[in-house]
Amino acid sequence: MQGLDIAIIGAGIGGLAVARACALRGARVTVHEQAHEITEVGAGLQVTPNGFAVLRALGLGDAVRQVGAQANAVALHDYRRGPVVRLDLTRLAARDYWFIHRADLIDILHRGAVDAGVDIRLDQHIADPGALEADLVIGADGLHSVVRATLNGTLAPYFTRQIAWRAVVRHEGSRMGEARVHMAPHRHLVSYPLRGGTQLNLVAVEERAEWAEESWSAIGDPGDMRARFADFGEAAQAMLGRVESVRKWGLFRHSVAPIWGAGRLAILGDAAHPTLPFMAQGASLALEDAWVLPAALAAAPNIAAALEEYETTRQDRARRVVEAANGNAWKYHLSFKPLRLAAHTALRVGGAVAPSRMMRQFDWIYGHDVTGGETL
């Protein structure tokens, strides 16, 4: 990749990660970001072991450890009856599972890109990616990617009839390392600690026929959020009561892009495979892409061969994860009471009798290391 000119559209997680990876392999890299500053709306995210493997390989693992909270469990609760089962994340074969504020991860990746020599240009509104002068243009420009549209045309998403709310609230407890999922008919609430346990990230999902915009920046009403989850138990109400501002967006099901790269164009992250949040894989899949594409460029005889290898390597993996996320929400939203009670009983028994087996079902996701132990 020595001397290769690469232009990247988008300075999000995938864009900054691929920028650093390309620069460390010898490319000249320019990132074009439409915002006037590198920042992020306040929210948390989960970096699962497959995503952390990339951060470690990029030399950013220690920085994540300094500001993130290592996850050790996911506790499933009935919205009224309380605890159902505690999934012990320390039983995973790959242990580096982290909760981190999105702004903190963006800051780490931004500094990492700059340190690698990446040129980051702000206030860049790119309508025609083909007009950029570069050997390769990488679209890391999210759900409404202009590069995806150029490669694939318009692929209409499907509204799932689900609305998500997200907020970050202050926290004074001692729940370090544990995510909680409060499950209810047609709804669920996820919470986990951030920034040394001083904050909690909340993501609440409800089934609703009313259409909502697919935008993380849409402002919601905290009172409306509380009203829609008012029948949840005391622990959930304590968290919801601290919500001062909230974002709301509609959840849409997208197809994985048929074409990931052609000519001088490539896509990664949400531009290639938008995913619902029910497997916490959005950030980690983008990080995987951000490693595999530069690795293919470094190994292949030319860009065309590299893009073919990248697409072949990533497409089936992304499709399987996206399909898993598509099918996961109903498990939290069971509304038929006998079925919900039976399912929760099965979870309790499984957690007591075969806890390791319950965790091994996730090995195909979390144990997948695209770096193969390589570091840059």
Protein backbone atom coordinates (compact mmCIF):
# COMPACT_ATOMS: atom_id res chain seq x y z
CA MET A 1 0.00 0.00 0.00
CA GLN A 2 3.03 2.28 -0.03
CA GLY A 3 2.12 5.48 -1.85
CA LEU A 4 -1.52 4.56 -2.44
CA ASP A 5 -3.84 7.59 -2.21
CA ILE A 6 -7.01 6.76 -0.25
CA ALA A 7 -9.94 9.10 0.39
CA ILE A 8 -12.42 8.18 3.11
CA ILE A 9 -15.86 9.73 3.42
CA GLY A 10 -17.01 9.84 7.02
CA ALA A 11 -15.16 10.24 10.33
CA GLY A 12 -17.19 7.82 12.39
CA ILE A 13 -15.94 4.62 14.00
CA GLY A 14 -15.42 2.71 10.75
CA GLY A 15 -13.98 5.68 8.86
CA LEU A 16 -11.39 6.62 11.48
CA ALA A 17 -10.42 3.00 12.11
CA VAL A 18 -9.86 2.24 8.41
CA ALA A 19 -7.97 5.52 8.07
CA ARG A 20 -5.49 4.50 10.75
CA ALA A 21 -5.19 0.97 9.37
CA CYS A 22 -4.48 2.23 5.86
CA ALA A 23 -2.00 4.86 7.03
CA LEU A 24 -0.11 2.37 9.19
CA ARG A 25 0.25 0.16 6.11
CA GLY A 26 1.84 3.00 4.18
CA ALA A 27 -1.02 4.69 2.31
CA ARG A 28 -1.60 8.45 2.05
CA VAL A 29 -5.01 8.92 3.64
CA THR A 30 -7.47 11.81 3.65
CA VAL A 31 -10.74 11.70 5.59
CA HIS A 32 -13.60 13.93 4.43
CA GLU A 33 -16.13 14.66 7.19
CA GLN A 34 -19.23 16.79 6.65
CA ALA A 35 -19.43 18.04 10.26
CA HIS A 36 -17.47 21.09 11.34
CA GLU A 37 -15.86 19.17 14.21
CA ILE A 38 -15.16 15.56 15.20
CA THR A 39 -17.76 14.94 17.85
CA GLU A 40 -20.55 12.56 18.75
CA VAL A 41 -24.03 12.80 20.24
CA GLY A 42 -23.81 11.42 23.77
CA ALA A 43 -24.45 7.70 23.89
CA GLY A 44 -22.79 4.47 24.87
CA LEU A 45 -21.96 1.41 22.85
CA GLN A 46 -20.70 -2.10 23.36
CA VAL A 47 -17.41 -3.20 21.83
CA THR A 48 -17.56 -6.99 21.81
CA PRO A 49 -14.38 -9.13 21.69
CA ASN A 50 -14.40 -9.41 17.90
CA GLY A 51 -14.35 -5.61 17.62
CA PHE A 52 -11.82 -5.14 20.41
CA ALA A 53 -9.43 -7.50 18.60
CA VAL A 54 -9.20 -4.86 15.84
CA LEU A 55 -8.65 -2.00 18.28
CA ARG A 56 -5.88 -4.00 19.94
CA ALA A 57 -4.27 -4.77 16.57
CA LEU A 58 -4.38 -1.05 15.70
CA GLY A 59 -2.49 -0.25 18.90
CA LEU A 60 -5.51 1.33 20.60
CA GLY A 61 -6.46 -1.39 23.08
CA ASP A 62 -4.85 0.23 26.11
CA ALA A 63 -6.58 3.54 25.39
CA VAL A 64 -9.96 1.77 25.34
CA ARG A 65 -9.17 -0.03 28.60
CA GLN A 66 -8.39 3.29 30.28
CA VAL A 67 -11.79 4.87 29.57
CA GLY A 68 -14.10 1.87 29.07
CA ALA A 69 -15.84 -0.40 31.55
CA GLN A 70 -15.07 -4.09 31.07
CA ALA A 71 -18.27 -6.09 30.78
CA ASN A 72 -18.59 -9.19 32.93
CA ALA A 73 -22.28 -10.05 32.75
CA VAL A 74 -25.62 -9.49 31.05
CA ALA A 75 -28.52 -9.82 33.47
CA LEU A 76 -31.96 -10.52 32.02
CA HIS A 77 -34.90 -9.28 34.09
CA ASP A 78 -38.64 -9.60 33.78
CA TYR A 79 -40.00 -6.07 33.72
CA ARG A 80 -42.09 -6.70 36.85
CA ARG A 81 -40.86 -9.92 38.47
CA GLY A 82 -37.17 -9.09 38.53
CA PRO A 83 -34.11 -11.24 37.72
CA VAL A 84 -34.44 -14.14 35.28
CA VAL A 85 -30.87 -15.19 34.49
CA ARG A 86 -27.37 -13.73 34.65
CA LEU A 87 -25.18 -14.51 31.63
CA ASP A 88 -21.57 -14.68 32.75
CA LEU A 89 -19.40 -13.02 30.09
CA THR A 90 -16.25 -14.27 31.81
CA ARG A 91 -17.14 -17.70 30.38
CA LEU A 92 -16.61 -16.44 26.84
CA ALA A 93 -13.52 -17.76 25.09
CA ALA A 94 -12.68 -14.16 24.13
CA ARG A 95 -12.82 -11.95 27.22
CA ASP A 96 -12.31 -8.35 26.04
CA TYR A 97 -15.90 -7.08 26.06
CA TRP A 98 -16.22 -3.36 26.81
CA PHE A 99 -18.85 -0.71 27.49
CA ILE A 100 -17.65 2.68 26.30
CA HIS A 101 -19.06 6.12 25.60
CA ARG A 102 -19.25 6.62 21.85
CA ALA A 103 -17.60 10.03 22.14
CA ASP A 104 -14.65 8.47 24.01
CA LEU A 105 -14.16 5.84 21.30
CA ILE A 106 -14.38 8.46 18.55
CA ASP A 107 -11.76 10.52 20.40
CA ILE A 108 -9.41 7.52 20.64
CA LEU A 109 -9.83 6.71 16.96
CA HIS A 110 -9.45 10.36 15.95
CA ARG A 111 -6.18 10.70 17.84
CA GLY A 112 -5.05 7.38 16.44
CA ALA A 113 -5.71 8.49 12.87
CA VAL A 114 -3.94 11.81 13.33
CA ASP A 115 -0.96 10.12 14.99
CA ALA A 116 -0.72 7.80 11.95
CA GLY A 117 -0.49 10.81 9.62
CA VAL A 118 -4.08 10.93 8.36
CA ASP A 119 -5.26 14.26 6.93
CA ILE A 120 -8.75 14.97 8.31
CA ARG A 121 -10.77 17.64 6.53
CA LEU A 122 -13.98 18.99 8.06
CA ASP A 123 -17.01 20.70 6.49
CA GLN A 124 -16.72 18.44 3.45
CA HIS A 125 -20.02 17.67 1.75
CA ILE A 126 -19.34 15.01 -0.86
CA ALA A 127 -22.23 14.54 -3.29
CA ASP A 128 -20.21 12.76 -5.99
CA PRO A 129 -17.61 10.33 -4.56
CA GLY A 130 -16.27 9.67 -8.04
CA ALA A 131 -15.07 13.28 -8.22
CA LEU A 132 -12.56 12.78 -5.41
CA GLU A 133 -9.00 12.46 -6.65
CA ALA A 134 -7.73 9.24 -5.11
CA ASP A 135 -6.74 5.72 -6.06
CA LEU A 136 -9.57 4.44 -3.85
CA VAL A 137 -12.56 6.15 -2.24
CA ILE A 138 -13.97 4.38 0.83
CA GLY A 139 -17.51 5.20 1.88
CA ALA A 140 -17.76 5.05 5.66
CA ASP A 141 -20.70 7.43 5.43
CA GLY A 142 -23.35 5.52 7.29
CA LEU A 143 -26.99 4.65 6.70
CA HIS A 144 -27.55 7.21 3.97
CA SER A 145 -24.27 6.56 2.18
CA VAL A 146 -23.72 8.29 -1.15
CA VAL A 147 -21.09 5.68 -1.99
CA ARG A 148 -23.47 2.79 -1.32
CA ALA A 149 -26.03 4.46 -3.60
CA THR A 150 -23.42 4.91 -6.32
CA LEU A 151 -22.44 1.24 -6.18
CA ASN A 152 -25.87 -0.31 -5.59
CA GLY A 153 -28.56 2.19 -6.45
CA THR A 154 -31.38 2.83 -3.98
CA LEU A 155 -32.21 -0.11 -1.74
CA ALA A 156 -35.36 0.72 0.22
CA PRO A 157 -35.36 -0.31 3.90
CA TYR A 158 -38.26 -1.94 5.75
CA PHE A 159 -39.72 -0.25 8.84
CA THR A 160 -39.81 -2.84 11.62
CA ARG A 161 -42.58 -1.02 13.52
CA GLN A 162 -40.15 -0.57 16.38
CA ILE A 163 -39.01 2.68 17.97
CA ALA A 164 -35.78 3.04 19.93
CA TRP A 165 -35.01 5.62 22.58
CA ARG A 166 -31.53 6.33 23.92
CA ALA A 167 -30.26 8.45 26.77
CA VAL A 168 -27.30 8.75 29.13
CA VAL A 169 -28.16 9.39 32.78
CA ARG A 170 -26.15 9.96 35.93
CA HIS A 171 -25.50 6.91 38.08
CA GLU A 172 -24.49 6.65 41.72
CA GLY A 173 -24.59 2.89 42.20
CA SER A 174 -21.95 0.18 41.99
CA ARG A 175 -23.08 -1.76 38.93
CA MET A 176 -19.73 -1.87 37.18
CA GLY A 177 -19.47 -4.33 34.34
CA GLU A 178 -23.08 -5.49 34.17
CA ALA A 179 -25.63 -4.79 31.46
CA ARG A 180 -29.30 -5.32 32.33
CA VAL A 181 -32.14 -6.08 29.99
CA HIS A 182 -35.67 -5.53 31.34
CA MET A 183 -38.00 -7.61 29.12
CA ALA A 184 -41.70 -6.82 28.70
CA PRO A 185 -44.52 -7.52 26.25
CA HIS A 186 -43.63 -5.63 23.04
CA ARG A 187 -40.83 -3.67 24.76
CA HIS A 188 -37.45 -3.90 26.46
CA LEU A 189 -34.99 -1.61 28.23
CA VAL A 190 -31.20 -2.07 28.16
CA SER A 191 -28.85 -0.30 30.57
CA TYR A 192 -25.11 -0.50 31.23
CA PRO A 193 -22.45 1.63 32.96
CA LEU A 194 -20.14 4.18 31.35
CA ARG A 195 -17.21 6.32 32.46
CA GLY A 196 -16.27 4.61 35.67
CA GLY A 197 -19.86 3.90 36.59
CA THR A 198 -20.78 7.57 36.90
CA GLN A 199 -23.23 7.25 33.99
CA LEU A 200 -25.67 4.69 32.62
CA ASN A 201 -26.48 4.25 28.96
CA LEU A 202 -30.16 3.53 28.35
CA VAL A 203 -31.65 2.08 25.18
CA ALA A 204 -35.39 1.41 25.23
CA VAL A 205 -37.23 -0.29 22.38
CA GLU A 206 -40.98 -0.51 21.83
CA GLU A 207 -43.14 -1.96 19.12
CA ARG A 208 -45.32 0.73 17.60
CA ALA A 209 -47.16 1.16 14.30
CA GLU A 210 -46.37 4.87 14.18
CA TRP A 211 -43.55 5.59 11.71
CA ALA A 212 -40.43 7.34 13.00
CA GLU A 213 -37.44 8.80 11.21
CA GLU A 214 -34.30 6.67 10.91
CA SER A 215 -32.03 9.20 12.56
CA TRP A 216 -29.99 9.03 15.75
CA SER A 217 -30.22 12.80 16.12
CA ALA A 218 -34.02 13.14 16.34
CA ILE A 219 -35.05 14.65 19.67
CA GLY A 220 -37.52 12.73 21.84
CA ASP A 221 -39.65 13.73 24.82
CA PRO A 222 -38.44 12.27 28.16
CA GLY A 223 -41.99 12.42 29.51
CA ASP A 224 -43.29 10.44 26.55
CA MET A 225 -40.55 7.87 27.04
CA ARG A 226 -41.41 7.47 30.72
CA ALA A 227 -45.11 7.15 29.95
CA ARG A 228 -44.51 4.31 27.48
CA PHE A 229 -42.50 2.33 30.05
CA ALA A 230 -44.52 3.37 33.10
CA ASP A 231 -45.51 -0.20 34.01
CA PHE A 232 -41.89 -1.33 34.43
CA GLY A 233 -40.68 -2.06 37.97
CA GLU A 234 -38.97 0.13 40.53
CA ALA A 235 -35.40 -0.35 39.25
CA ALA A 236 -36.35 0.69 35.72
CA GLN A 237 -38.37 3.65 36.97
CA ALA A 238 -35.39 4.91 38.95
CA MET A 239 -33.32 5.03 35.76
CA LEU A 240 -36.08 6.48 33.60
CA GLY A 241 -36.74 9.16 36.19
CA ARG A 242 -33.24 10.55 35.65
CA VAL A 243 -33.65 11.03 31.89
CA GLU A 244 -33.30 14.73 31.08
CA SER A 245 -32.85 14.47 27.31
CA VAL A 246 -33.46 11.60 24.93
CA ARG A 247 -33.02 10.72 21.25
CA LYS A 248 -35.59 8.68 19.36
CA TRP A 249 -35.39 6.87 16.04
CA GLY A 250 -37.21 4.29 14.00
CA LEU A 251 -35.63 0.88 13.47
CA PHE A 252 -35.41 -0.18 9.84
CA ARG A 253 -34.34 -3.50 8.39
CA HIS A 254 -31.85 -3.13 5.54
CA SER A 255 -30.44 -5.65 3.15
CA VAL A 256 -26.71 -6.23 3.09
CA ALA A 257 -25.33 -4.38 0.06
CA PRO A 258 -24.85 -6.68 -2.95
CA ILE A 259 -21.77 -4.74 -4.09
CA TRP A 260 -19.11 -3.64 -1.59
CA GLY A 261 -16.49 -2.45 -4.03
CA ALA A 262 -16.01 -1.74 -7.72
CA GLY A 263 -13.68 0.46 -9.72
CA ARG A 264 -12.32 3.09 -7.32
CA LEU A 265 -15.12 2.79 -4.75
CA ALA A 266 -15.68 0.68 -1.62
CA ILE A 267 -18.01 0.77 1.38
CA LEU A 268 -17.84 -0.45 4.95
CA GLY A 269 -19.78 -0.36 8.22
CA ASP A 270 -23.39 0.85 8.09
CA ALA A 271 -22.90 1.84 4.46
CA ALA A 272 -22.48 -1.86 3.62
CA HIS A 273 -24.56 -3.63 6.25
CA PRO A 274 -26.81 -1.55 8.54
CA THR A 275 -27.87 -3.76 11.42
CA LEU A 276 -30.51 -3.61 14.10
CA PRO A 277 -29.11 -3.10 17.61
CA PHE A 278 -30.22 -6.45 19.04
CA MET A 279 -26.80 -8.15 18.90
CA ALA A 280 -24.71 -5.03 19.74
CA GLN A 281 -22.64 -5.56 16.59
CA GLY A 282 -22.84 -2.28 14.67
CA ALA A 283 -19.51 -0.89 15.90
CA SER A 284 -17.71 -4.22 15.96
CA LEU A 285 -18.71 -5.15 12.41
CA ALA A 286 -17.44 -1.77 11.20
CA LEU A 287 -14.15 -2.38 12.99
CA GLU A 288 -13.85 -5.80 11.36
CA ASP A 289 -14.38 -4.21 7.93
CA ALA A 290 -11.81 -1.56 8.76
CA TRP A 291 -9.18 -4.23 9.27
CA VAL A 292 -10.07 -6.60 6.42
CA LEU A 293 -10.18 -4.00 3.62
CA PRO A 294 -6.65 -2.61 4.20
CA ALA A 295 -5.32 -6.14 4.70
CA ALA A 296 -6.77 -7.13 1.33
CA LEU A 297 -5.29 -4.03 -0.31
CA ALA A 298 -1.88 -4.87 1.14
CA ALA A 299 -1.95 -8.48 -0.03
CA ALA A 300 -3.65 -8.30 -3.45
CA PRO A 301 -1.85 -7.51 -6.72
CA ASN A 302 -4.21 -4.63 -7.53
CA ILE A 303 -7.22 -2.74 -6.20
CA ALA A 304 -9.76 -4.74 -8.19
CA ALA A 305 -8.51 -8.02 -6.75
CA ALA A 306 -8.43 -6.52 -3.25
CA LEU A 307 -12.03 -5.34 -3.46
CA GLU A 308 -13.16 -8.75 -4.67
CA GLU A 309 -11.34 -10.43 -1.79
CA TYR A 310 -12.78 -7.94 0.72
CA GLU A 311 -16.35 -8.46 -0.45
CA THR A 312 -16.00 -12.24 -0.54
CA THR A 313 -14.45 -12.33 2.92
CA ARG A 314 -16.93 -10.01 4.61
CA GLN A 315 -20.31 -10.43 2.95
CA ASP A 316 -21.40 -13.80 4.36
CA ARG A 317 -20.18 -12.87 7.83
CA ALA A 318 -22.07 -9.58 7.81
CA ARG A 319 -25.22 -11.18 6.46
CA ARG A 320 -25.22 -13.84 9.18
CA VAL A 321 -24.79 -11.27 11.95
CA VAL A 322 -27.47 -8.97 10.50
CA GLU A 323 -29.91 -11.89 10.27
CA ALA A 324 -29.16 -12.87 13.86
CA ALA A 325 -29.94 -9.31 14.99
CA ASN A 326 -33.13 -9.26 12.91
CA GLY A 327 -34.37 -12.38 14.70
CA ASN A 328 -33.37 -11.47 18.23
CA ALA A 329 -35.83 -8.78 19.35
CA TRP A 330 -38.85 -11.08 19.67
CA LYS A 331 -37.06 -13.00 22.45
CA TYR A 332 -37.27 -9.91 24.65
CA HIS A 333 -40.82 -8.91 23.60
CA LEU A 334 -42.88 -12.06 24.26
CA SER A 335 -46.45 -10.95 24.95
CA PHE A 336 -48.35 -14.23 25.42
CA LYS A 337 -48.02 -14.70 29.17
CA PRO A 338 -47.75 -18.53 29.31
CA LEU A 339 -45.08 -18.45 26.59
CA ARG A 340 -43.17 -15.67 28.33
CA LEU A 341 -43.22 -17.53 31.65
CA ALA A 342 -42.09 -20.76 29.96
CA ALA A 343 -39.27 -18.98 28.13
CA HIS A 344 -38.06 -17.28 31.32
CA THR A 345 -38.19 -20.59 33.19
CA ALA A 346 -36.08 -22.20 30.47
CA LEU A 347 -33.55 -19.38 30.79
CA ARG A 348 -33.36 -19.84 34.55
CA VAL A 349 -32.83 -23.59 34.21
CA GLY A 350 -30.23 -23.15 31.47
CA GLY A 351 -28.36 -20.58 33.51
CA ALA A 352 -28.28 -22.87 36.52
CA VAL A 353 -27.56 -26.19 34.79
CA ALA A 354 -25.44 -25.30 31.74
CA PRO A 355 -24.14 -21.72 32.00
CA SER A 356 -21.12 -22.36 29.78
CA ARG A 357 -23.27 -23.88 27.05
CA MET A 358 -25.49 -20.78 27.08
CA MET A 359 -22.45 -18.61 26.43
CA ARG A 360 -20.93 -20.85 23.74
CA GLN A 361 -23.83 -20.02 21.44
CA PHE A 362 -22.15 -16.62 20.92
CA ASP A 363 -18.67 -17.93 20.10
CA TRP A 364 -19.23 -17.60 16.35
CA ILE A 365 -19.68 -13.86 16.84
CA TYR A 366 -17.37 -12.93 19.69
CA GLY A 367 -14.60 -15.42 18.94
CA HIS A 368 -14.17 -14.24 15.36
CA ASP A 369 -10.79 -12.45 15.10
CA VAL A 370 -10.21 -10.95 11.66
CA THR A 371 -6.68 -9.87 12.64
CA GLY A 372 -5.38 -13.40 13.14
CA GLY A 373 -3.24 -12.02 15.97
CA GLU A 374 -1.46 -9.52 13.70
CA THR A 375 -0.66 -6.01 14.96
CA LEU A 376 0.33 -2.85 13.10
